[in-house]
C-alpha atoms as a PDB file:
ATOM      1  CA  ALA A   1       1.134   9.273   1.432  1.00  0.00           C
ATOM      2  CA  VAL A   2      -1.468   9.865  -1.241  1.00  0.00           C
ATOM      3  CA  THR A   3      -2.267  12.839  -3.449  1.00  0.00           C
ATOM      4  CA  LEU A   4      -5.526  12.902  -5.382  1.00  0.00           C
ATOM      5  CA  ASP A   5      -6.591  14.760  -8.483  1.00  0.00           C
ATOM      6  CA  GLY A   6     -10.343  14.427  -8.183  1.00  0.00           C
ATOM      7  CA  ASP A   7     -10.793  10.707  -7.549  1.00  0.00           C
ATOM      8  CA  THR A   8      -7.585   9.705  -9.336  1.00  0.00           C
ATOM      9  CA  ILE A   9      -4.334   8.970  -7.517  1.00  0.00           C
ATOM     10  CA  SER A  10      -1.808  11.498  -8.805  1.00  0.00           C
ATOM     11  CA  SER A  11       1.035  10.450  -6.521  1.00  0.00           C
ATOM     12  CA  CYS A  12       1.581   7.860  -3.844  1.00  0.00           C
ATOM     13  CA  ARG A  13       4.345   6.695  -1.540  1.00  0.00           C
ATOM     14  CA  VAL A  14       4.318   3.442   0.393  1.00  0.00           C
ATOM     15  CA  GLY A  15       6.859   2.409   3.004  1.00  0.00           C
ATOM     16  CA  LEU A  16       7.159  -0.929   4.778  1.00  0.00           C
ATOM     17  CA  THR A  17       9.398  -1.826   7.691  1.00  0.00           C
ATOM     18  CA  ALA A  18      10.515  -5.087   9.291  1.00  0.00           C
ATOM     19  CA  VAL A  19       9.578  -7.190   6.235  1.00  0.00           C
ATOM     20  CA  ASN A  20      12.716  -6.841   4.089  1.00  0.00           C
ATOM     21  CA  ALA A  21      10.866  -4.686   1.596  1.00  0.00           C
ATOM     22  CA  ASP A  22      12.393  -4.523  -1.868  1.00  0.00           C
ATOM     23  CA  HIS A  23      12.954  -0.888  -2.857  1.00  0.00           C
ATOM     24  CA  ASP A  24      12.368  -1.616  -6.549  1.00  0.00           C
ATOM     25  CA  GLY A  25       9.151  -3.459  -5.713  1.00  0.00           C
ATOM     26  CA  LEU A  26       7.840  -0.518  -3.717  1.00  0.00           C
ATOM     27  CA  THR A  27       8.804   1.857  -6.535  1.00  0.00           C
ATOM     28  CA  ALA A  28       6.829  -0.333  -8.940  1.00  0.00           C
ATOM     29  CA  LEU A  29       3.899  -0.308  -6.517  1.00  0.00           C
ATOM     30  CA  ARG A  30       3.872   3.481  -6.449  1.00  0.00           C
ATOM     31  CA  ALA A  31       4.100   3.662 -10.225  1.00  0.00           C
ATOM     32  CA  ALA A  32       1.242   1.164 -10.586  1.00  0.00           C
ATOM     33  CA  LEU A  33      -1.064   3.337  -8.467  1.00  0.00           C
ATOM     34  CA  VAL A  34      -0.541   6.635 -10.255  1.00  0.00           C
ATOM     35  CA  GLY A  35      -3.400   7.355 -12.612  1.00  0.00           C
ATOM     36  CA  LYS A  36      -5.678   4.748 -11.032  1.00  0.00           C
ATOM     37  CA  PRO A  37      -9.004   5.552  -9.380  1.00  0.00           C
ATOM     38  CA  ALA A  38      -9.009   5.715  -5.584  1.00  0.00           C
ATOM     39  CA  THR A  39     -11.217   2.634  -5.143  1.00  0.00           C
ATOM     40  CA  GLU A  40     -11.267  -0.484  -3.005  1.00  0.00           C
ATOM     41  CA  GLU A  41     -10.062  -2.505  -6.012  1.00  0.00           C
ATOM     42  CA  THR A  42      -7.046  -0.230  -6.417  1.00  0.00           C
ATOM     43  CA  PHE A  43      -6.261  -0.404  -2.696  1.00  0.00           C
ATOM     44  CA  ALA A  44      -6.494  -4.217  -2.778  1.00  0.00           C
ATOM     45  CA  GLU A  45      -4.148  -4.377  -5.766  1.00  0.00           C
ATOM     46  CA  ALA A  46      -1.702  -2.142  -3.876  1.00  0.00           C
ATOM     47  CA  GLY A  47      -1.881  -4.574  -0.964  1.00  0.00           C
ATOM     48  CA  ARG A  48      -1.074  -7.501  -3.250  1.00  0.00           C
ATOM     49  CA  LEU A  49       1.862  -5.614  -4.738  1.00  0.00           C
ATOM     50  CA  ALA A  50       3.123  -4.671  -1.263  1.00  0.00           C
ATOM     51  CA  ALA A  51       3.035  -8.314  -0.164  1.00  0.00           C
ATOM     52  CA  ALA A  52       4.937  -9.312  -3.298  1.00  0.00           C
ATOM     53  CA  ALA A  53       7.564  -6.624  -2.649  1.00  0.00           C
ATOM     54  CA  CYS A  54       8.622  -8.012   0.717  1.00  0.00           C
ATOM     55  CA  GLU A  55      10.559 -11.037   1.937  1.00  0.00           C
ATOM     56  CA  PRO A  56       9.863 -11.343   5.664  1.00  0.00           C
ATOM     57  CA  VAL A  57      11.399 -14.034   7.815  1.00  0.00           C
ATOM     58  CA  THR A  58       9.686 -16.253  10.331  1.00  0.00           C
ATOM     59  CA  ASP A  59      10.667 -15.343  13.884  1.00  0.00           C
ATOM     60  CA  GLN A  60       9.150 -15.006  17.354  1.00  0.00           C
ATOM     61  CA  ARG A  61       6.849 -12.236  16.086  1.00  0.00           C
ATOM     62  CA  GLY A  62       5.175 -14.380  13.433  1.00  0.00           C
ATOM     63  CA  THR A  63       5.547 -16.448  10.317  1.00  0.00           C
ATOM     64  CA  ALA A  64       6.694 -15.036   7.002  1.00  0.00           C
ATOM     65  CA  GLU A  65       3.235 -15.737   5.577  1.00  0.00           C
ATOM     66  CA  TYR A  66       1.554 -13.808   8.407  1.00  0.00           C
ATOM     67  CA  LYS A  67       3.887 -10.837   7.937  1.00  0.00           C
ATOM     68  CA  ARG A  68       3.285 -10.856   4.182  1.00  0.00           C
ATOM     69  CA  HIS A  69      -0.468 -10.866   4.882  1.00  0.00           C
ATOM     70  CA  LEU A  70      -0.020  -7.913   7.244  1.00  0.00           C
ATOM     71  CA  ALA A  71       1.965  -5.993   4.621  1.00  0.00           C
ATOM     72  CA  SER A  72      -0.959  -6.439   2.244  1.00  0.00           C
ATOM     73  CA  GLU A  73      -3.728  -5.714   4.724  1.00  0.00           C
ATOM     74  CA  LEU A  74      -2.078  -2.706   6.355  1.00  0.00           C
ATOM     75  CA  THR A  75      -1.178  -1.164   2.985  1.00  0.00           C
ATOM     76  CA  THR A  76      -4.803  -1.540   1.877  1.00  0.00           C
ATOM     77  CA  ARG A  77      -6.166  -0.059   5.109  1.00  0.00           C
ATOM     78  CA  THR A  78      -3.705   2.820   5.170  1.00  0.00           C
ATOM     79  CA  LEU A  79      -4.460   3.840   1.598  1.00  0.00           C
ATOM     80  CA  ARG A  80      -8.200   3.655   2.335  1.00  0.00           C
ATOM     81  CA  THR A  81      -7.810   5.801   5.456  1.00  0.00           C
ATOM     82  CA  SER A  82      -5.627   8.349   3.663  1.00  0.00           C
ATOM     83  CA  VAL A  83      -8.147   8.765   0.862  1.00  0.00           C
ATOM     84  CA  GLU A  84     -11.053   8.992   3.329  1.00  0.00           C
ATOM     85  CA  ARG A  85      -9.225  11.781   5.185  1.00  0.00           C
ATOM     86  CA  ILE A  86      -8.513  13.672   1.958  1.00  0.00           C
ATOM     87  CA  ARG A  87     -12.150  13.420   0.922  1.00  0.00           C
ATOM     88  CA  ALA A  88     -13.383  14.524   4.366  1.00  0.00           C
ATOM     89  CA  ALA A  89     -11.062  17.528   4.344  1.00  0.00           C
ATOM     90  CA  SER A  90     -12.319  18.529   0.900  1.00  0.00           C
ATOM     91  CA  ALA A  91     -15.997  18.315   1.874  1.00  0.00           C
END
């Protein structure tokens, strides 16, 4: 979930499942986004922080590295989509 004040992220919540996400890491991710511009660079940094905040295990669904990559990529995409929807609704 993202809230914007102009083009600045005023609040943000990120949730990850099935990757042993660290609650403190996700809290730090949210805090790191507040006050930042809603840009591709910010979304990419959020993805890196999301990947760092999880400890997935390798199983029949994929390797830990693959799941960490997905945590990063899907966080980036979801933030991008959320901001695009906010901007479209404001237009």
